[in-house]
């Protein structure tokens, strides 16, 4: 009987050991389930940790478009507007400032061409100016002799000159003496006069008007200069 009990216990133990060795799956699932222990999808999620799109947004940090807007800082179009500063059209309008046609109109203002032309020995310095004061009279003969006094006279346009003396002895002639050179203005208001003792002539137009004695030229000759 003791032998049967020992044999039965041995068989029972062998059966239990055989049953445990047939179920390997539960033991290995619990011991080596790496899917839970090393889930790198959660532990090393670089998409969140190193999101350089937010951390190094160079578009905002170094926006040179605003920091160095040279279009506003160096607007040379406004600073050096030479068109306004050197408007030569107004500053140096030579057409108005040096209008020589008006300023030096020698034909009517000073008749410089006639005044400087020496006729009958009359130079600019020899003319007696009777435009404002003094008697506008040319005398000859008598105490004056064979000469005109004054023989070179300046008057203004529209003024009158009187010739006083014996015309029979000193016939008055208009123009330049035949033995002299030069050209006077025309028409000359001085008329040829052979008789009488006084005659007057009005000079309406500026110019140089020569005259002479028909008997005693070229020494007896003169000029009326009208300005």
N, C-alpha and C. Protein backbone atom coordinates (compact mmCIF):
# COMPACT_ATOMS: atom_id res chain seq x y z
N UNK A 1 0.82 -1.19 0.00
CA UNK A 1 0.00 0.00 0.00
C UNK A 1 0.85 1.24 0.00
N UNK A 2 1.85 1.30 0.77
CA UNK A 2 2.81 2.43 0.80
C UNK A 2 3.42 2.60 -0.55
N UNK A 3 3.69 1.54 -1.21
CA UNK A 3 4.30 1.65 -2.54
C UNK A 3 3.33 2.26 -3.51
N UNK A 4 2.10 1.91 -3.44
CA UNK A 4 1.08 2.47 -4.35
C UNK A 4 0.92 3.97 -4.14
N UNK A 5 0.99 4.43 -2.92
CA UNK A 5 0.82 5.87 -2.61
C UNK A 5 1.98 6.69 -3.20
N UNK A 6 3.15 6.17 -3.06
CA UNK A 6 4.31 6.90 -3.60
C UNK A 6 4.24 6.95 -5.09
N UNK A 7 3.85 5.88 -5.73
CA UNK A 7 3.75 5.85 -7.18
C UNK A 7 2.70 6.82 -7.66
N UNK A 8 1.59 6.84 -6.92
CA UNK A 8 0.51 7.77 -7.35
C UNK A 8 0.93 9.22 -7.21
N UNK A 9 1.64 9.55 -6.16
CA UNK A 9 2.11 10.95 -5.98
C UNK A 9 3.08 11.34 -7.07
N UNK A 10 3.94 10.41 -7.46
CA UNK A 10 4.90 10.72 -8.52
C UNK A 10 4.20 10.98 -9.81
N UNK A 11 3.21 10.22 -10.14
CA UNK A 11 2.46 10.43 -11.39
C UNK A 11 1.75 11.79 -11.37
N UNK A 12 1.19 12.10 -10.19
CA UNK A 12 0.48 13.40 -10.10
C UNK A 12 1.44 14.57 -10.32
N UNK A 13 2.61 14.51 -9.76
CA UNK A 13 3.59 15.58 -9.92
C UNK A 13 4.05 15.69 -11.36
N UNK A 14 4.22 14.53 -11.99
CA UNK A 14 4.64 14.57 -13.39
C UNK A 14 3.58 15.20 -14.24
N UNK A 15 2.32 14.91 -13.93
CA UNK A 15 1.23 15.51 -14.74
C UNK A 15 1.16 17.00 -14.56
N UNK A 16 1.37 17.50 -13.38
CA UNK A 16 1.32 18.94 -13.13
C UNK A 16 2.46 19.65 -13.85
N UNK A 17 3.62 19.07 -13.87
CA UNK A 17 4.75 19.69 -14.54
C UNK A 17 4.55 19.71 -16.03
N UNK A 18 3.95 18.64 -16.54
CA UNK A 18 3.70 18.63 -17.98
C UNK A 18 2.70 19.68 -18.36
N UNK A 19 1.70 19.93 -17.51
CA UNK A 19 0.69 20.97 -17.82
C UNK A 19 1.27 22.35 -17.82
N UNK A 20 2.18 22.65 -16.95
CA UNK A 20 2.80 24.00 -16.90
C UNK A 20 3.67 24.26 -18.11
N UNK A 21 4.40 23.30 -18.64
CA UNK A 21 5.29 23.51 -19.78
C UNK A 21 4.56 23.66 -21.07
N UNK A 22 3.24 23.39 -21.16
CA UNK A 22 2.49 23.52 -22.42
C UNK A 22 1.91 24.92 -22.62
N UNK A 23 2.03 25.89 -21.68
CA UNK A 23 1.41 27.23 -21.84
C UNK A 23 2.50 28.32 -21.77
N UNK A 24 3.30 28.51 -22.86
CA UNK A 24 4.41 29.45 -22.84
C UNK A 24 4.00 30.90 -23.08
N UNK A 25 2.85 31.19 -23.76
CA UNK A 25 2.50 32.55 -24.21
C UNK A 25 2.31 33.54 -23.10
N UNK A 26 1.56 33.22 -21.98
CA UNK A 26 1.34 34.22 -20.95
C UNK A 26 2.63 34.65 -20.31
N UNK A 27 3.59 33.73 -20.12
CA UNK A 27 4.81 34.08 -19.43
C UNK A 27 5.62 35.08 -20.24
N UNK A 28 5.83 34.85 -21.57
CA UNK A 28 6.66 35.73 -22.41
C UNK A 28 5.98 37.06 -22.67
N UNK A 29 4.61 37.14 -22.77
CA UNK A 29 3.91 38.41 -23.03
C UNK A 29 4.16 39.40 -21.91
N UNK A 30 4.13 38.93 -20.67
CA UNK A 30 4.30 39.83 -19.54
C UNK A 30 5.75 40.20 -19.34
N UNK A 31 6.63 39.31 -19.58
CA UNK A 31 8.04 39.57 -19.27
C UNK A 31 8.71 40.42 -20.32
N UNK A 32 8.44 40.28 -21.64
CA UNK A 32 9.19 40.97 -22.70
C UNK A 32 8.28 41.75 -23.63
N UNK A 33 7.25 42.45 -23.16
CA UNK A 33 6.36 43.25 -24.01
C UNK A 33 7.02 44.61 -24.27
N UNK A 34 7.96 44.70 -25.24
CA UNK A 34 8.72 45.94 -25.54
C UNK A 34 7.85 47.03 -26.13
N UNK A 35 6.70 46.66 -26.64
CA UNK A 35 5.82 47.69 -27.22
C UNK A 35 5.43 48.72 -26.18
N UNK A 36 5.28 48.34 -24.88
CA UNK A 36 4.90 49.29 -23.84
C UNK A 36 6.10 49.94 -23.21
N UNK A 37 7.20 49.24 -23.10
CA UNK A 37 8.35 49.74 -22.36
C UNK A 37 9.14 50.75 -23.20
N UNK A 38 9.37 50.56 -24.51
CA UNK A 38 10.19 51.45 -25.34
C UNK A 38 9.36 52.04 -26.46
N UNK A 39 8.25 52.69 -26.15
CA UNK A 39 7.39 53.32 -27.16
C UNK A 39 8.02 54.68 -27.54
N UNK A 40 8.95 54.64 -28.48
CA UNK A 40 9.68 55.87 -28.87
C UNK A 40 8.78 56.89 -29.55
N UNK A 41 7.67 56.46 -30.01
CA UNK A 41 6.75 57.42 -30.63
C UNK A 41 6.35 58.51 -29.66
N UNK A 42 6.26 58.19 -28.35
CA UNK A 42 5.90 59.19 -27.33
C UNK A 42 7.12 59.80 -26.68
N UNK A 43 8.11 58.96 -26.38
CA UNK A 43 9.28 59.44 -25.63
C UNK A 43 10.15 60.37 -26.45
N UNK A 44 10.31 60.17 -27.76
CA UNK A 44 11.21 60.99 -28.61
C UNK A 44 10.44 61.61 -29.75
N UNK A 45 9.35 62.30 -29.44
CA UNK A 45 8.53 62.94 -30.47
C UNK A 45 9.22 64.24 -30.90
N UNK A 46 10.15 64.13 -31.84
CA UNK A 46 10.94 65.31 -32.28
C UNK A 46 10.09 66.35 -32.97
N UNK A 47 8.96 65.94 -33.45
CA UNK A 47 8.08 66.93 -34.10
C UNK A 47 7.70 68.04 -33.16
N UNK A 48 7.55 67.74 -31.84
CA UNK A 48 7.20 68.77 -30.86
C UNK A 48 8.42 69.38 -30.22
N UNK A 49 9.40 68.62 -29.93
CA UNK A 49 10.57 69.09 -29.18
C UNK A 49 11.44 70.03 -30.00
N UNK A 50 11.68 69.78 -31.28
CA UNK A 50 12.59 70.60 -32.10
C UNK A 50 11.82 71.27 -33.24
N UNK A 51 10.74 71.98 -32.93
CA UNK A 51 9.93 72.65 -33.95
C UNK A 51 10.63 73.96 -34.33
N UNK A 52 11.59 73.86 -35.21
CA UNK A 52 12.38 75.05 -35.60
C UNK A 52 11.54 76.08 -36.33
N UNK A 53 10.44 75.69 -36.84
CA UNK A 53 9.59 76.66 -37.53
C UNK A 53 9.17 77.80 -36.62
N UNK A 54 8.99 77.52 -35.31
CA UNK A 54 8.60 78.56 -34.36
C UNK A 54 9.80 79.20 -33.69
N UNK A 55 10.79 78.42 -33.34
CA UNK A 55 11.93 78.90 -32.56
C UNK A 55 12.83 79.82 -33.38
N UNK A 56 13.11 79.53 -34.63
CA UNK A 56 14.04 80.33 -35.45
C UNK A 56 13.31 80.93 -36.64
N UNK A 57 12.25 81.69 -36.37
CA UNK A 57 11.47 82.31 -37.44
C UNK A 57 12.23 83.53 -37.96
N UNK A 58 13.18 83.29 -38.86
CA UNK A 58 14.03 84.38 -39.37
C UNK A 58 13.23 85.44 -40.10
N UNK A 59 12.09 85.07 -40.59
CA UNK A 59 11.28 86.06 -41.30
C UNK A 59 10.89 87.22 -40.41
N UNK A 60 10.70 86.99 -39.10
CA UNK A 60 10.32 88.05 -38.17
C UNK A 60 11.53 88.71 -37.54
N UNK A 61 12.53 87.96 -37.18
CA UNK A 61 13.68 88.47 -36.44
C UNK A 61 14.54 89.39 -37.30
N UNK A 62 14.79 89.07 -38.55
CA UNK A 62 15.69 89.86 -39.41
C UNK A 62 14.93 90.43 -40.59
N UNK A 63 13.85 91.17 -40.31
CA UNK A 63 13.05 91.76 -41.38
C UNK A 63 13.75 93.02 -41.89
N UNK A 64 14.74 92.84 -42.75
CA UNK A 64 15.52 93.98 -43.25
C UNK A 64 14.68 94.92 -44.08
N UNK A 65 13.57 94.47 -44.54
CA UNK A 65 12.73 95.36 -45.33
C UNK A 65 12.32 96.60 -44.55
N UNK A 66 12.12 96.48 -43.21
CA UNK A 66 11.74 97.61 -42.38
C UNK A 66 12.95 98.30 -41.78
N UNK A 67 13.95 97.53 -41.35
CA UNK A 67 15.11 98.09 -40.65
C UNK A 67 15.96 98.99 -41.55
N UNK A 68 16.13 98.66 -42.82
CA UNK A 68 16.99 99.43 -43.72
C UNK A 68 16.19 99.95 -44.91
N UNK A 69 15.11 100.66 -44.63
CA UNK A 69 14.26 101.17 -45.70
C UNK A 69 14.92 102.41 -46.31
N UNK A 70 15.88 102.19 -47.18
CA UNK A 70 16.63 103.31 -47.77
C UNK A 70 15.75 104.20 -48.62
N UNK A 71 14.64 103.70 -49.02
CA UNK A 71 13.76 104.54 -49.83
C UNK A 71 13.34 105.79 -49.08
N UNK A 72 13.17 105.71 -47.74
CA UNK A 72 12.78 106.87 -46.94
C UNK A 72 13.99 107.64 -46.43
N UNK A 73 15.03 106.93 -46.00
CA UNK A 73 16.19 107.57 -45.37
C UNK A 73 16.99 108.43 -46.33
N UNK A 74 17.21 107.99 -47.55
CA UNK A 74 18.06 108.72 -48.50
C UNK A 74 17.25 109.12 -49.72
N UNK A 75 16.14 109.84 -49.48
CA UNK A 75 15.30 110.26 -50.60
C UNK A 75 15.95 111.46 -51.27
N UNK A 76 16.93 111.19 -52.12
CA UNK A 76 17.68 112.27 -52.75
C UNK A 76 16.80 113.12 -53.66
N UNK A 77 15.68 112.57 -54.05
CA UNK A 77 14.80 113.35 -54.91
C UNK A 77 14.33 114.62 -54.22
N UNK A 78 14.14 114.57 -52.86
CA UNK A 78 13.71 115.76 -52.13
C UNK A 78 14.88 116.59 -51.65
N UNK A 79 15.95 115.94 -51.20
CA UNK A 79 17.09 116.63 -50.59
C UNK A 79 17.85 117.47 -51.59
N UNK A 80 18.07 116.98 -52.78
CA UNK A 80 18.90 117.69 -53.77
C UNK A 80 18.07 118.03 -55.00
N UNK A 81 16.97 118.76 -54.78
CA UNK A 81 16.11 119.13 -55.89
C UNK A 81 16.74 120.29 -56.65
N UNK A 82 17.72 119.97 -57.50
CA UNK A 82 18.45 121.02 -58.21
C UNK A 82 17.55 121.81 -59.13
N UNK A 83 16.45 121.21 -59.53
CA UNK A 83 15.56 121.92 -60.43
C UNK A 83 15.05 123.22 -59.82
N UNK A 84 14.83 123.23 -58.46
CA UNK A 84 14.36 124.43 -57.79
C UNK A 84 15.50 125.35 -57.39
N UNK A 85 16.62 124.79 -56.95
CA UNK A 85 17.73 125.58 -56.43
C UNK A 85 18.40 126.41 -57.52
N UNK A 86 18.58 125.83 -58.69
CA UNK A 86 19.31 126.52 -59.75
C UNK A 86 18.42 126.77 -60.95
N UNK A 87 17.28 127.42 -60.71
CA UNK A 87 16.36 127.72 -61.80
C UNK A 87 16.91 128.88 -62.60
N UNK A 88 17.83 128.56 -63.59
CA UNK A 88 18.46 129.63 -64.35
C UNK A 88 17.48 130.37 -65.23
N UNK A 89 16.35 129.67 -65.54
CA UNK A 89 15.39 130.35 -66.38
C UNK A 89 14.96 131.68 -65.81
N UNK A 90 14.80 131.83 -64.37
CA UNK A 90 14.40 133.07 -63.73
C UNK A 90 15.57 133.92 -63.29
N UNK A 91 16.64 133.28 -62.70
CA UNK A 91 17.76 134.01 -62.10
C UNK A 91 18.59 134.76 -63.12
N UNK A 92 18.89 134.10 -64.26
CA UNK A 92 19.77 134.71 -65.25
C UNK A 92 19.06 134.93 -66.57
N UNK A 93 17.88 135.64 -66.48
CA UNK A 93 17.11 135.89 -67.69
C UNK A 93 17.76 137.03 -68.46
N UNK A 94 18.80 136.71 -69.23
CA UNK A 94 19.56 137.75 -69.93
C UNK A 94 18.73 138.51 -70.92
N UNK A 95 17.65 137.88 -71.39
CA UNK A 95 16.82 138.56 -72.36
C UNK A 95 16.26 139.86 -71.83
N UNK A 96 15.92 139.93 -70.50
CA UNK A 96 15.38 141.14 -69.91
C UNK A 96 16.46 142.01 -69.30
N UNK A 97 17.46 141.38 -68.66
CA UNK A 97 18.47 142.13 -67.92
C UNK A 97 19.40 142.90 -68.84
N UNK A 98 19.83 142.29 -69.93
CA UNK A 98 20.79 142.94 -70.82
C UNK A 98 20.19 143.16 -72.20
N UNK A 99 18.99 143.75 -72.21
CA UNK A 99 18.32 144.02 -73.48
C UNK A 99 18.99 145.22 -74.12
N UNK A 100 20.11 144.97 -74.79
CA UNK A 100 20.89 146.05 -75.35
C UNK A 100 20.11 146.85 -76.37
N UNK A 101 19.10 146.20 -76.97
CA UNK A 101 18.32 146.91 -77.96
C UNK A 101 17.64 148.13 -77.38
N UNK A 102 17.22 148.05 -76.09
CA UNK A 102 16.55 149.16 -75.43
C UNK A 102 17.53 150.05 -74.69
N UNK A 103 18.49 149.44 -74.00
CA UNK A 103 19.40 150.20 -73.16
C UNK A 103 20.34 151.07 -73.98
N UNK A 104 20.85 150.55 -75.07
CA UNK A 104 21.82 151.29 -75.86
C UNK A 104 21.29 151.58 -77.25
N UNK A 105 20.07 152.12 -77.30
CA UNK A 105 19.47 152.46 -78.59
C UNK A 105 20.10 153.77 -79.06
N UNK A 106 21.26 153.67 -79.68
CA UNK A 106 21.99 154.88 -80.07
C UNK A 106 21.23 155.70 -81.09
N UNK A 107 20.31 155.06 -81.80
CA UNK A 107 19.60 155.80 -82.82
C UNK A 107 18.76 156.92 -82.26
N UNK A 108 18.12 156.71 -81.06
CA UNK A 108 17.25 157.74 -80.51
C UNK A 108 17.77 158.32 -79.21
N UNK A 109 18.45 157.52 -78.38
CA UNK A 109 18.84 158.00 -77.06
C UNK A 109 20.09 158.88 -77.11
N UNK A 110 21.15 158.41 -77.72
CA UNK A 110 22.39 159.17 -77.70
C UNK A 110 22.96 159.43 -79.08
N UNK A 111 22.41 158.76 -80.08
CA UNK A 111 22.91 158.91 -81.45
C UNK A 111 24.43 158.95 -81.45
N UNK A 112 25.04 157.92 -80.76
CA UNK A 112 26.49 157.91 -80.60
C UNK A 112 27.22 157.88 -81.92
N UNK A 113 26.62 157.25 -82.93
CA UNK A 113 27.29 157.17 -84.22
C UNK A 113 27.54 158.55 -84.80
N UNK A 114 26.51 159.47 -84.69
CA UNK A 114 26.65 160.81 -85.23
C UNK A 114 27.56 161.66 -84.35
N UNK A 115 27.45 161.52 -83.02
CA UNK A 115 28.23 162.35 -82.11
C UNK A 115 29.72 162.08 -82.25
N UNK A 116 30.09 160.84 -82.47
CA UNK A 116 31.50 160.49 -82.56
C UNK A 116 32.07 160.74 -83.95
N UNK A 117 31.22 160.95 -84.92
CA UNK A 117 31.72 161.20 -86.28
C UNK A 117 32.22 162.65 -86.37
N UNK A 118 33.47 162.80 -86.68
CA UNK A 118 34.04 164.14 -86.77
C UNK A 118 33.74 164.75 -88.13
N UNK A 119 32.96 165.81 -88.10
CA UNK A 119 32.62 166.54 -89.32
C UNK A 119 32.93 168.02 -89.09
N UNK A 120 33.57 168.64 -90.05
CA UNK A 120 33.95 170.05 -89.97
C UNK A 120 34.82 170.33 -88.74
N UNK A 121 35.59 169.33 -88.31
CA UNK A 121 36.49 169.49 -87.18
C UNK A 121 35.81 169.44 -85.82
N UNK A 122 34.51 169.14 -85.77
CA UNK A 122 33.79 169.09 -84.49
C UNK A 122 33.94 167.71 -83.85
N UNK A 123 34.68 167.66 -82.75
CA UNK A 123 34.80 166.43 -81.97
C UNK A 123 33.82 166.49 -80.79
N UNK A 124 33.66 165.37 -80.10
CA UNK A 124 32.72 165.30 -78.97
C UNK A 124 33.04 166.36 -77.92
N UNK A 125 34.31 166.60 -77.66
CA UNK A 125 34.70 167.56 -76.62
C UNK A 125 34.46 169.01 -77.02
N UNK A 126 34.30 169.27 -78.30
CA UNK A 126 34.16 170.64 -78.77
C UNK A 126 32.72 171.14 -78.78
N UNK A 127 31.75 170.24 -78.60
CA UNK A 127 30.35 170.66 -78.68
C UNK A 127 29.94 171.46 -77.44
N UNK A 128 29.21 172.55 -77.67
CA UNK A 128 28.63 173.37 -76.60
C UNK A 128 27.21 172.89 -76.38
N UNK A 129 26.91 172.47 -75.12
CA UNK A 129 25.60 171.89 -74.81
C UNK A 129 24.60 173.00 -74.48
N UNK A 130 23.61 173.16 -75.33
CA UNK A 130 22.57 174.17 -75.12
C UNK A 130 21.18 173.50 -75.00
N UNK A 131 21.16 172.26 -74.52
CA UNK A 131 19.88 171.56 -74.42
C UNK A 131 19.00 172.10 -73.30
N UNK A 132 19.59 172.57 -72.22
CA UNK A 132 18.79 173.03 -71.09
C UNK A 132 18.90 174.53 -70.85
N UNK A 133 20.08 175.07 -70.97
CA UNK A 133 20.26 176.52 -70.73
C UNK A 133 21.10 177.14 -71.84
N UNK A 134 21.10 178.47 -71.86
CA UNK A 134 21.92 179.18 -72.84
C UNK A 134 21.15 179.51 -74.12
N UNK A 135 21.67 180.46 -74.85
CA UNK A 135 21.04 180.90 -76.09
C UNK A 135 21.41 179.98 -77.23
N UNK A 136 20.40 179.51 -77.92
CA UNK A 136 20.63 178.62 -79.07
C UNK A 136 20.76 179.50 -80.33
N UNK A 137 21.91 180.14 -80.41
CA UNK A 137 22.14 181.07 -81.52
C UNK A 137 23.57 180.94 -82.01
N UNK A 138 23.74 180.93 -83.33
CA UNK A 138 25.06 180.89 -83.96
C UNK A 138 25.27 182.24 -84.63
N UNK A 139 26.32 182.94 -84.21
CA UNK A 139 26.60 184.27 -84.78
C UNK A 139 27.85 184.21 -85.66
N UNK A 140 27.94 185.17 -86.59
CA UNK A 140 29.09 185.21 -87.51
C UNK A 140 29.21 186.64 -88.06
N UNK A 141 30.39 186.95 -88.67
CA UNK A 141 30.64 188.29 -89.20
C UNK A 141 30.82 189.30 -88.08
N UNK A 142 31.00 190.56 -88.46
CA UNK A 142 31.17 191.61 -87.47
C UNK A 142 32.41 191.39 -86.64
N UNK A 143 32.23 191.46 -85.30
CA UNK A 143 33.37 191.27 -84.41
C UNK A 143 33.85 189.83 -84.42
N UNK A 144 32.97 188.92 -84.83
CA UNK A 144 33.33 187.49 -84.86
C UNK A 144 34.22 187.22 -86.07
N UNK A 145 33.98 187.92 -87.16
CA UNK A 145 34.76 187.71 -88.36
C UNK A 145 34.24 186.52 -89.17
N UNK A 146 35.14 185.94 -89.94
CA UNK A 146 34.77 184.82 -90.80
C UNK A 146 34.81 183.51 -90.00
N UNK A 147 33.86 183.40 -89.09
CA UNK A 147 33.77 182.20 -88.24
C UNK A 147 32.36 182.12 -87.65
N UNK A 148 32.01 180.94 -87.19
CA UNK A 148 30.73 180.72 -86.51
C UNK A 148 31.00 180.55 -85.01
N UNK A 149 30.13 181.15 -84.17
CA UNK A 149 30.30 181.05 -82.72
C UNK A 149 28.95 180.80 -82.03
N UNK A 150 28.83 179.63 -81.37
CA UNK A 150 29.74 178.47 -81.43
C UNK A 150 29.50 177.69 -82.71
N UNK A 151 30.50 177.09 -83.22
CA UNK A 151 30.32 176.36 -84.48
C UNK A 151 29.88 174.92 -84.27
N UNK A 152 30.06 174.38 -83.06
CA UNK A 152 29.62 173.01 -82.75
C UNK A 152 28.67 173.09 -81.55
N UNK A 153 27.40 172.79 -81.76
CA UNK A 153 26.38 172.95 -80.71
C UNK A 153 25.53 171.69 -80.58
N UNK A 154 25.14 171.38 -79.31
CA UNK A 154 24.24 170.26 -79.04
C UNK A 154 22.90 170.81 -78.57
N UNK A 155 21.81 170.30 -79.14
CA UNK A 155 20.47 170.66 -78.71
C UNK A 155 19.62 169.39 -78.61
N UNK A 156 18.41 169.55 -78.11
CA UNK A 156 17.48 168.42 -78.03
C UNK A 156 16.53 168.47 -79.22
N UNK A 157 15.98 167.30 -79.54
CA UNK A 157 15.03 167.22 -80.65
C UNK A 157 13.83 168.12 -80.37
N UNK A 158 13.44 168.88 -81.39
CA UNK A 158 12.32 169.80 -81.26
C UNK A 158 12.72 171.22 -80.95
N UNK A 159 14.00 171.45 -80.64
CA UNK A 159 14.45 172.81 -80.31
C UNK A 159 14.87 173.57 -81.58
N UNK A 160 14.95 174.90 -81.44
CA UNK A 160 15.23 175.78 -82.58
C UNK A 160 16.58 176.47 -82.40
N UNK A 161 17.27 176.69 -83.52
CA UNK A 161 18.56 177.40 -83.53
C UNK A 161 18.45 178.59 -84.48
N UNK A 162 18.96 179.75 -84.01
CA UNK A 162 18.94 180.97 -84.81
C UNK A 162 20.34 181.27 -85.34
N UNK A 163 20.44 181.59 -86.64
CA UNK A 163 21.69 182.01 -87.27
C UNK A 163 21.60 183.53 -87.47
N UNK A 164 22.59 184.24 -86.94
CA UNK A 164 22.55 185.70 -86.98
C UNK A 164 23.86 186.26 -87.54
N UNK A 165 23.76 187.02 -88.67
CA UNK A 165 24.93 187.60 -89.30
C UNK A 165 24.60 188.04 -90.73
N UNK A 166 25.55 188.68 -91.41
CA UNK A 166 25.32 189.15 -92.78
C UNK A 166 25.45 188.01 -93.80
N UNK A 167 24.32 187.53 -94.26
CA UNK A 167 24.36 186.38 -95.18
C UNK A 167 24.89 186.76 -96.56
N UNK A 168 24.82 188.03 -96.92
CA UNK A 168 25.36 188.41 -98.23
C UNK A 168 26.88 188.25 -98.26
N UNK A 169 27.52 188.46 -97.11
CA UNK A 169 28.97 188.30 -97.03
C UNK A 169 29.36 186.86 -96.68
N UNK A 170 28.43 186.18 -96.07
CA UNK A 170 28.70 184.79 -95.64
C UNK A 170 27.48 183.91 -95.98
N UNK A 171 27.31 183.58 -97.23
CA UNK A 171 26.16 182.78 -97.64
C UNK A 171 26.14 181.42 -96.90
N UNK A 172 24.99 181.12 -96.30
CA UNK A 172 24.84 179.87 -95.53
C UNK A 172 24.49 178.72 -96.47
N UNK A 173 25.18 177.60 -96.25
CA UNK A 173 24.90 176.42 -97.06
C UNK A 173 24.66 175.21 -96.13
N UNK A 174 23.78 174.31 -96.57
CA UNK A 174 23.45 173.12 -95.80
C UNK A 174 24.33 171.95 -96.22
N UNK A 175 24.65 171.07 -95.24
CA UNK A 175 25.42 169.87 -95.55
C UNK A 175 26.90 170.01 -95.26
N UNK A 176 27.68 169.04 -95.80
CA UNK A 176 29.13 169.00 -95.59
C UNK A 176 29.81 169.83 -96.68
N UNK A 177 30.80 170.64 -96.27
CA UNK A 177 31.53 171.47 -97.23
C UNK A 177 32.21 170.59 -98.27
N UNK A 178 32.28 171.04 -99.51
CA UNK A 178 32.87 170.24 -100.59
C UNK A 178 34.29 169.76 -100.31
N UNK A 179 35.05 170.54 -99.56
CA UNK A 179 36.44 170.16 -99.29
C UNK A 179 36.57 169.27 -98.04
N UNK A 180 35.46 168.96 -97.38
CA UNK A 180 35.48 168.16 -96.16
C UNK A 180 34.88 166.77 -96.40
N UNK A 181 35.10 165.89 -95.44
CA UNK A 181 34.57 164.53 -95.54
C UNK A 181 33.54 164.29 -94.44
N UNK A 182 32.77 163.24 -94.62
CA UNK A 182 31.73 162.90 -93.64
C UNK A 182 30.36 162.96 -94.27
N UNK A 183 29.39 162.49 -93.51
CA UNK A 183 28.01 162.48 -93.99
C UNK A 183 27.08 162.92 -92.87
N UNK A 184 26.22 163.87 -93.15
CA UNK A 184 25.25 164.34 -92.17
C UNK A 184 23.91 163.66 -92.34
N UNK A 185 23.01 163.93 -91.39
CA UNK A 185 21.66 163.36 -91.45
C UNK A 185 20.84 164.08 -92.50
N UNK A 186 19.88 163.35 -93.04
CA UNK A 186 18.97 163.93 -94.03
C UNK A 186 17.53 163.59 -93.66
N UNK A 187 16.59 164.45 -93.93
CA UNK A 187 16.79 165.80 -94.52
C UNK A 187 17.35 166.77 -93.49
N UNK A 188 18.15 167.69 -93.94
CA UNK A 188 18.76 168.70 -93.08
C UNK A 188 17.85 169.94 -93.07
N UNK A 189 17.37 170.34 -91.87
CA UNK A 189 16.45 171.49 -91.83
C UNK A 189 17.11 172.84 -92.14
N UNK A 190 18.46 172.88 -92.12
CA UNK A 190 19.15 174.14 -92.44
C UNK A 190 19.03 174.39 -93.95
N UNK A 191 18.50 175.54 -94.29
CA UNK A 191 18.29 175.88 -95.71
C UNK A 191 19.35 176.88 -96.18
N UNK A 192 19.68 176.80 -97.46
CA UNK A 192 20.63 177.76 -98.04
C UNK A 192 20.05 179.17 -97.93
N UNK A 193 20.89 180.09 -97.43
CA UNK A 193 20.43 181.46 -97.20
C UNK A 193 21.51 182.44 -97.72
N UNK A 194 21.11 183.35 -98.65
CA UNK A 194 22.07 184.28 -99.26
C UNK A 194 21.83 185.73 -98.87
N UNK A 195 20.77 186.04 -98.19
CA UNK A 195 20.48 187.43 -97.82
C UNK A 195 19.85 187.49 -96.44
N UNK A 196 19.80 188.73 -95.93
CA UNK A 196 19.23 188.91 -94.61
C UNK A 196 20.29 188.83 -93.54
N UNK A 197 19.81 188.93 -92.29
CA UNK A 197 20.75 188.90 -91.16
C UNK A 197 20.32 187.94 -90.05
N UNK A 198 19.19 187.31 -90.21
CA UNK A 198 18.74 186.37 -89.17
C UNK A 198 17.79 185.34 -89.77
N UNK A 199 17.99 184.09 -89.38
CA UNK A 199 17.11 183.01 -89.81
C UNK A 199 17.14 181.90 -88.75
N UNK A 200 16.01 181.26 -88.54
CA UNK A 200 15.92 180.20 -87.52
C UNK A 200 15.43 178.90 -88.14
N UNK A 201 15.90 177.79 -87.57
CA UNK A 201 15.51 176.45 -88.06
C UNK A 201 15.18 175.55 -86.85
N UNK A 202 14.13 174.75 -87.02
CA UNK A 202 13.73 173.80 -85.97
C UNK A 202 14.22 172.41 -86.34
N UNK A 203 14.84 171.75 -85.37
CA UNK A 203 15.40 170.41 -85.59
C UNK A 203 14.52 169.38 -84.87
N UNK A 204 13.68 168.72 -85.62
CA UNK A 204 12.70 167.79 -85.03
C UNK A 204 13.27 166.40 -84.76
N UNK A 205 14.27 166.00 -85.51
CA UNK A 205 14.77 164.61 -85.43
C UNK A 205 16.22 164.57 -84.96
N UNK A 206 16.55 163.65 -84.03
CA UNK A 206 17.95 163.52 -83.60
C UNK A 206 18.85 163.19 -84.79
N UNK A 207 20.05 163.71 -84.75
CA UNK A 207 21.01 163.46 -85.82
C UNK A 207 22.08 164.52 -85.82
N UNK A 208 22.95 164.47 -86.82
CA UNK A 208 24.04 165.44 -86.95
C UNK A 208 23.82 166.22 -88.24
N UNK A 209 23.77 167.56 -88.09
CA UNK A 209 23.41 168.40 -89.22
C UNK A 209 24.52 169.44 -89.47
N UNK A 210 25.36 169.23 -90.50
CA UNK A 210 26.45 170.15 -90.80
C UNK A 210 25.98 171.35 -91.65
N UNK A 211 26.79 172.41 -91.60
CA UNK A 211 26.52 173.61 -92.40
C UNK A 211 27.86 174.31 -92.65
N UNK A 212 27.90 175.29 -93.59
CA UNK A 212 29.16 175.98 -93.88
C UNK A 212 28.88 177.28 -94.64
N UNK A 213 29.92 178.15 -94.71
CA UNK A 213 29.84 179.39 -95.47
C UNK A 213 30.36 179.12 -96.88
N UNK A 214 29.58 179.52 -97.85
CA UNK A 214 29.94 179.22 -99.23
C UNK A 214 31.22 179.95 -99.66
N UNK A 215 31.55 181.10 -99.03
CA UNK A 215 32.72 181.85 -99.42
C UNK A 215 33.98 181.46 -98.62
N UNK A 216 33.81 181.04 -97.41
CA UNK A 216 34.97 180.87 -96.53
C UNK A 216 35.18 179.44 -96.00
N UNK A 217 34.55 178.48 -96.59
CA UNK A 217 34.81 177.08 -96.18
C UNK A 217 36.19 176.70 -96.75
N UNK A 218 36.96 175.82 -96.10
CA UNK A 218 36.51 174.95 -94.99
C UNK A 218 36.70 175.52 -93.60
N UNK A 219 37.36 176.67 -93.45
CA UNK A 219 37.60 177.19 -92.10
C UNK A 219 36.31 177.67 -91.44
N UNK A 220 35.34 178.10 -92.24
CA UNK A 220 34.06 178.58 -91.69
C UNK A 220 33.00 177.52 -91.95
N UNK A 221 32.88 176.59 -90.96
CA UNK A 221 31.92 175.49 -91.08
C UNK A 221 31.60 174.98 -89.68
N UNK A 222 30.44 174.40 -89.53
CA UNK A 222 30.06 173.92 -88.20
C UNK A 222 29.05 172.78 -88.26
N UNK A 223 28.55 172.39 -87.06
CA UNK A 223 27.61 171.26 -86.95
C UNK A 223 26.61 171.55 -85.82
N UNK A 224 25.36 171.20 -86.07
CA UNK A 224 24.33 171.17 -85.02
C UNK A 224 24.04 169.70 -84.73
N UNK A 225 24.33 169.27 -83.51
CA UNK A 225 24.09 167.88 -83.11
C UNK A 225 22.81 167.82 -82.28
N UNK A 226 21.86 167.04 -82.75
CA UNK A 226 20.55 166.94 -82.08
C UNK A 226 20.45 165.59 -81.39
N UNK A 227 20.14 165.62 -80.09
CA UNK A 227 19.97 164.39 -79.30
C UNK A 227 18.59 164.34 -78.67
